N, C-alpha and C. Protein backbone atom coordinates (compact mmCIF):
# COMPACT_ATOMS: atom_id res chain seq x y z
N MET A 1 28.27 30.52 23.63
CA MET A 1 27.01 31.22 23.47
C MET A 1 26.39 31.39 24.87
N ALA A 2 25.97 32.56 25.20
CA ALA A 2 25.56 32.92 26.56
C ALA A 2 24.38 32.13 27.10
N ASP A 3 23.40 31.81 26.28
CA ASP A 3 22.20 31.14 26.79
C ASP A 3 22.18 29.64 26.52
N CYS A 4 23.26 29.06 26.05
CA CYS A 4 23.33 27.63 25.72
C CYS A 4 23.58 26.81 26.99
N ILE A 5 22.68 25.89 27.29
CA ILE A 5 22.82 25.08 28.50
C ILE A 5 24.09 24.24 28.48
N PHE A 6 24.46 23.71 27.32
CA PHE A 6 25.68 22.90 27.25
C PHE A 6 26.94 23.75 27.40
N CYS A 7 26.93 24.98 26.90
CA CYS A 7 28.06 25.88 27.12
C CYS A 7 28.19 26.19 28.62
N LYS A 8 27.05 26.35 29.29
CA LYS A 8 27.07 26.63 30.72
C LYS A 8 27.59 25.41 31.50
N ILE A 9 27.22 24.21 31.08
CA ILE A 9 27.76 23.01 31.72
C ILE A 9 29.27 22.94 31.49
N ALA A 10 29.71 23.22 30.26
CA ALA A 10 31.14 23.17 29.94
C ALA A 10 31.94 24.18 30.76
N LYS A 11 31.33 25.31 31.09
CA LYS A 11 32.01 26.34 31.89
C LYS A 11 31.88 26.10 33.39
N GLY A 12 31.12 25.07 33.79
CA GLY A 12 30.94 24.78 35.20
C GLY A 12 29.87 25.65 35.86
N GLU A 13 29.09 26.36 35.06
CA GLU A 13 28.04 27.22 35.60
C GLU A 13 26.78 26.45 35.99
N ILE A 14 26.59 25.30 35.37
CA ILE A 14 25.47 24.41 35.69
C ILE A 14 26.08 23.06 36.03
N PRO A 15 25.67 22.46 37.15
CA PRO A 15 26.25 21.16 37.52
C PRO A 15 25.78 20.04 36.59
N ALA A 16 26.64 19.07 36.44
CA ALA A 16 26.32 17.86 35.68
C ALA A 16 27.13 16.72 36.29
N ARG A 17 26.65 15.51 36.08
CA ARG A 17 27.39 14.33 36.56
C ARG A 17 28.47 14.01 35.53
N MET A 18 29.62 14.61 35.72
CA MET A 18 30.71 14.52 34.75
C MET A 18 31.32 13.13 34.71
N ILE A 19 31.71 12.75 33.51
CA ILE A 19 32.42 11.49 33.27
C ILE A 19 33.84 11.78 32.83
N TYR A 20 34.00 12.84 32.02
CA TYR A 20 35.31 13.12 31.42
C TYR A 20 35.39 14.61 31.09
N GLU A 21 36.61 15.15 31.16
CA GLU A 21 36.84 16.52 30.72
C GLU A 21 38.29 16.69 30.32
N ASP A 22 38.50 17.40 29.21
CA ASP A 22 39.83 17.86 28.83
C ASP A 22 39.69 19.28 28.28
N ASP A 23 40.67 19.77 27.57
CA ASP A 23 40.62 21.16 27.10
C ASP A 23 39.55 21.41 26.05
N GLU A 24 39.13 20.36 25.33
CA GLU A 24 38.20 20.53 24.20
C GLU A 24 36.87 19.80 24.35
N ILE A 25 36.80 18.82 25.24
CA ILE A 25 35.66 17.90 25.28
C ILE A 25 35.20 17.71 26.72
N ILE A 26 33.90 17.56 26.89
CA ILE A 26 33.38 17.06 28.16
C ILE A 26 32.37 15.96 27.87
N ALA A 27 32.20 15.08 28.84
CA ALA A 27 31.19 14.03 28.78
C ALA A 27 30.51 13.97 30.13
N PHE A 28 29.19 13.80 30.09
CA PHE A 28 28.42 13.76 31.33
C PHE A 28 27.19 12.89 31.15
N HIS A 29 26.68 12.37 32.26
CA HIS A 29 25.49 11.53 32.23
C HIS A 29 24.28 12.36 31.81
N ASP A 30 23.39 11.74 31.02
CA ASP A 30 22.16 12.41 30.61
C ASP A 30 21.26 12.61 31.82
N ALA A 31 20.62 13.77 31.91
CA ALA A 31 19.75 14.08 33.04
C ALA A 31 18.47 13.24 33.05
N ALA A 32 18.07 12.74 31.89
CA ALA A 32 16.87 11.90 31.77
C ALA A 32 17.24 10.65 30.98
N PRO A 33 17.99 9.74 31.59
CA PRO A 33 18.52 8.59 30.84
C PRO A 33 17.44 7.69 30.25
N GLN A 34 17.72 7.23 29.03
CA GLN A 34 16.81 6.34 28.31
C GLN A 34 17.34 4.91 28.25
N ALA A 35 18.45 4.66 28.91
CA ALA A 35 19.06 3.33 28.97
C ALA A 35 19.95 3.30 30.20
N PRO A 36 20.34 2.10 30.67
CA PRO A 36 21.22 2.03 31.83
C PRO A 36 22.52 2.83 31.66
N VAL A 37 23.04 2.86 30.45
CA VAL A 37 24.17 3.73 30.13
C VAL A 37 23.63 4.78 29.16
N HIS A 38 23.69 6.04 29.55
CA HIS A 38 23.25 7.13 28.67
C HIS A 38 24.01 8.38 29.07
N PHE A 39 24.93 8.76 28.21
CA PHE A 39 25.72 9.95 28.47
C PHE A 39 25.89 10.75 27.18
N LEU A 40 26.34 11.99 27.35
CA LEU A 40 26.56 12.89 26.22
C LEU A 40 28.03 13.25 26.15
N VAL A 41 28.53 13.40 24.93
CA VAL A 41 29.88 13.87 24.69
C VAL A 41 29.74 15.12 23.83
N ILE A 42 30.32 16.24 24.31
CA ILE A 42 30.17 17.51 23.60
C ILE A 42 31.50 18.21 23.46
N PRO A 43 31.63 19.03 22.42
CA PRO A 43 32.80 19.90 22.36
C PRO A 43 32.57 21.09 23.27
N LYS A 44 33.61 21.60 23.90
CA LYS A 44 33.48 22.83 24.69
C LYS A 44 33.20 24.01 23.75
N LYS A 45 33.74 23.95 22.56
CA LYS A 45 33.47 24.98 21.56
C LYS A 45 32.01 24.90 21.16
N HIS A 46 31.34 26.03 21.08
CA HIS A 46 29.94 26.02 20.67
C HIS A 46 29.85 25.80 19.16
N ILE A 47 29.38 24.63 18.79
CA ILE A 47 29.07 24.30 17.40
C ILE A 47 27.58 23.95 17.44
N PRO A 48 26.72 24.70 16.76
CA PRO A 48 25.28 24.49 16.90
C PRO A 48 24.79 23.09 16.53
N ASN A 49 25.33 22.50 15.47
CA ASN A 49 24.85 21.19 15.03
C ASN A 49 25.85 20.62 14.02
N LEU A 50 25.60 19.40 13.60
CA LEU A 50 26.51 18.73 12.68
C LEU A 50 26.65 19.47 11.35
N MET A 51 25.57 20.12 10.91
CA MET A 51 25.61 20.87 9.66
C MET A 51 26.50 22.11 9.77
N SER A 52 26.84 22.51 10.99
CA SER A 52 27.67 23.70 11.22
C SER A 52 29.15 23.40 11.39
N VAL A 53 29.53 22.14 11.31
CA VAL A 53 30.94 21.77 11.46
C VAL A 53 31.73 22.37 10.29
N GLU A 54 32.83 23.01 10.63
CA GLU A 54 33.68 23.64 9.63
C GLU A 54 34.94 22.80 9.42
N PRO A 55 35.65 23.01 8.31
CA PRO A 55 36.86 22.22 8.06
C PRO A 55 37.83 22.21 9.23
N GLY A 56 37.95 23.31 9.96
CA GLY A 56 38.86 23.37 11.10
C GLY A 56 38.41 22.54 12.29
N ASP A 57 37.18 22.04 12.26
CA ASP A 57 36.63 21.24 13.35
C ASP A 57 36.77 19.73 13.13
N ILE A 58 37.32 19.33 12.00
CA ILE A 58 37.35 17.91 11.65
C ILE A 58 38.14 17.08 12.66
N ALA A 59 39.28 17.55 13.09
CA ALA A 59 40.06 16.80 14.09
C ALA A 59 39.29 16.69 15.40
N LEU A 60 38.62 17.76 15.80
CA LEU A 60 37.81 17.74 17.01
C LEU A 60 36.69 16.72 16.89
N MET A 61 36.07 16.63 15.74
CA MET A 61 34.99 15.64 15.53
C MET A 61 35.53 14.22 15.69
N GLY A 62 36.70 13.97 15.17
CA GLY A 62 37.31 12.65 15.33
C GLY A 62 37.59 12.35 16.80
N ARG A 63 38.07 13.34 17.52
CA ARG A 63 38.33 13.16 18.96
C ARG A 63 37.02 12.90 19.71
N LEU A 64 35.94 13.62 19.35
CA LEU A 64 34.64 13.40 20.00
C LEU A 64 34.17 11.96 19.82
N LEU A 65 34.22 11.48 18.59
CA LEU A 65 33.77 10.11 18.32
C LEU A 65 34.65 9.08 19.03
N ASN A 66 35.94 9.29 19.01
CA ASN A 66 36.84 8.35 19.67
C ASN A 66 36.62 8.35 21.18
N LYS A 67 36.42 9.53 21.77
CA LYS A 67 36.19 9.60 23.22
C LYS A 67 34.85 8.95 23.57
N ALA A 68 33.84 9.12 22.73
CA ALA A 68 32.55 8.48 22.96
C ALA A 68 32.72 6.96 22.99
N ARG A 69 33.49 6.42 22.06
CA ARG A 69 33.76 4.98 22.02
C ARG A 69 34.51 4.53 23.26
N GLU A 70 35.58 5.25 23.61
CA GLU A 70 36.37 4.88 24.80
C GLU A 70 35.51 4.85 26.06
N LEU A 71 34.70 5.88 26.24
CA LEU A 71 33.87 5.96 27.44
C LEU A 71 32.79 4.88 27.45
N ALA A 72 32.23 4.58 26.29
CA ALA A 72 31.24 3.49 26.21
C ALA A 72 31.87 2.18 26.65
N GLU A 73 33.08 1.93 26.21
CA GLU A 73 33.79 0.72 26.62
C GLU A 73 34.01 0.72 28.13
N GLN A 74 34.48 1.85 28.68
CA GLN A 74 34.74 1.95 30.11
C GLN A 74 33.48 1.77 30.95
N LEU A 75 32.34 2.16 30.41
CA LEU A 75 31.08 2.07 31.15
C LEU A 75 30.33 0.77 30.90
N GLY A 76 31.00 -0.22 30.32
CA GLY A 76 30.44 -1.56 30.23
C GLY A 76 29.80 -1.96 28.92
N CYS A 77 30.01 -1.20 27.87
CA CYS A 77 29.36 -1.50 26.59
C CYS A 77 30.30 -2.17 25.58
N ALA A 78 31.49 -2.57 25.98
CA ALA A 78 32.46 -3.14 25.04
C ALA A 78 31.97 -4.43 24.42
N GLU A 79 31.38 -5.31 25.22
CA GLU A 79 31.00 -6.62 24.71
C GLU A 79 29.76 -6.58 23.82
N LYS A 80 28.71 -5.91 24.27
CA LYS A 80 27.43 -5.96 23.55
C LYS A 80 27.16 -4.73 22.70
N GLY A 81 27.96 -3.67 22.85
CA GLY A 81 27.81 -2.50 22.00
C GLY A 81 26.94 -1.41 22.59
N ALA A 82 26.74 -0.37 21.79
CA ALA A 82 25.99 0.80 22.21
C ALA A 82 25.47 1.52 20.96
N ARG A 83 24.59 2.46 21.19
CA ARG A 83 24.10 3.31 20.11
C ARG A 83 24.72 4.69 20.28
N PHE A 84 25.25 5.23 19.18
CA PHE A 84 25.87 6.56 19.14
C PHE A 84 24.98 7.41 18.24
N VAL A 85 24.40 8.49 18.80
CA VAL A 85 23.40 9.28 18.08
C VAL A 85 23.80 10.75 18.06
N ILE A 86 23.72 11.34 16.86
CA ILE A 86 23.87 12.78 16.72
C ILE A 86 22.59 13.28 16.05
N ASN A 87 21.70 13.87 16.82
CA ASN A 87 20.50 14.49 16.26
C ASN A 87 20.90 15.84 15.67
N CYS A 88 20.28 16.21 14.55
CA CYS A 88 20.67 17.44 13.87
C CYS A 88 19.44 18.24 13.47
N LYS A 89 19.33 19.42 14.06
CA LYS A 89 18.25 20.38 13.80
C LYS A 89 16.89 19.79 14.16
N SER A 90 15.83 20.57 13.94
CA SER A 90 14.51 20.20 14.45
C SER A 90 13.97 18.90 13.84
N ASP A 91 14.10 18.70 12.54
CA ASP A 91 13.59 17.46 11.95
C ASP A 91 14.38 16.24 12.39
N GLY A 92 15.60 16.45 12.81
CA GLY A 92 16.43 15.35 13.29
C GLY A 92 16.26 15.08 14.78
N GLY A 93 15.42 15.87 15.45
CA GLY A 93 15.16 15.64 16.86
C GLY A 93 16.10 16.36 17.81
N GLN A 94 16.90 17.30 17.31
CA GLN A 94 17.82 18.03 18.18
C GLN A 94 17.05 19.02 19.03
N THR A 95 17.23 18.96 20.35
CA THR A 95 16.51 19.86 21.26
C THR A 95 17.43 20.88 21.94
N VAL A 96 18.73 20.66 21.92
CA VAL A 96 19.70 21.63 22.42
C VAL A 96 20.62 21.98 21.26
N ASP A 97 20.68 23.26 20.92
CA ASP A 97 21.46 23.70 19.77
C ASP A 97 22.94 23.83 20.10
N HIS A 98 23.53 22.70 20.44
CA HIS A 98 24.96 22.56 20.68
C HIS A 98 25.27 21.12 20.30
N LEU A 99 26.15 20.93 19.35
CA LEU A 99 26.49 19.59 18.88
C LEU A 99 26.77 18.66 20.05
N HIS A 100 26.15 17.49 20.04
CA HIS A 100 26.39 16.51 21.09
C HIS A 100 26.12 15.11 20.57
N ILE A 101 26.85 14.17 21.14
CA ILE A 101 26.68 12.75 20.81
C ILE A 101 26.03 12.09 22.02
N HIS A 102 24.88 11.47 21.80
CA HIS A 102 24.27 10.63 22.83
C HIS A 102 24.89 9.25 22.70
N VAL A 103 25.25 8.64 23.81
CA VAL A 103 25.72 7.26 23.83
C VAL A 103 24.78 6.50 24.76
N LEU A 104 24.12 5.48 24.20
CA LEU A 104 23.17 4.67 24.96
C LEU A 104 23.56 3.21 24.89
N GLY A 105 23.48 2.52 26.02
CA GLY A 105 23.81 1.10 26.04
C GLY A 105 23.34 0.46 27.32
N GLY A 106 23.71 -0.79 27.49
CA GLY A 106 23.35 -1.52 28.69
C GLY A 106 22.03 -2.27 28.57
N ARG A 107 21.39 -2.20 27.40
CA ARG A 107 20.17 -2.96 27.12
C ARG A 107 19.99 -3.01 25.61
N PRO A 108 19.22 -3.98 25.11
CA PRO A 108 18.94 -4.00 23.66
C PRO A 108 18.13 -2.77 23.27
N LEU A 109 18.49 -2.15 22.18
CA LEU A 109 17.80 -0.97 21.67
C LEU A 109 17.13 -1.31 20.35
N GLY A 110 15.84 -1.08 20.25
CA GLY A 110 15.10 -1.41 19.04
C GLY A 110 15.32 -0.41 17.92
N TRP A 111 14.86 -0.81 16.73
CA TRP A 111 14.91 0.08 15.56
C TRP A 111 13.64 -0.09 14.77
N PRO A 112 12.99 0.95 14.31
CA PRO A 112 13.39 2.33 14.52
C PRO A 112 13.22 2.75 15.97
N PRO A 113 13.90 3.85 16.36
CA PRO A 113 13.90 4.23 17.76
C PRO A 113 12.56 4.72 18.29
N GLY A 114 11.64 5.11 17.43
CA GLY A 114 10.29 5.46 17.89
C GLY A 114 9.99 6.89 18.06
């Protein structure tokens, strides 16, 4: 999608502090981190939100979740854990209309998140 900030990051048009990239997925540090570890994992394919996932995207979704876990472990969250968040649409707090997983860790995280 032409005006999507995450699509532009995936295409290299906007810089980001990259953590990982392959043919289908990228991961990068959040620009406004809310925890010592805070990064996003996104599909390069533009999928607006979790409600828009189609049957053909199921394998990609599994890869996204697995990569989020692997990267959380690599960034120091293996022992104490992390929070994995997918906000969906406006009531769910989604502010960028491109499916993404927030991974936060490195400190205790309260509930509810506030």
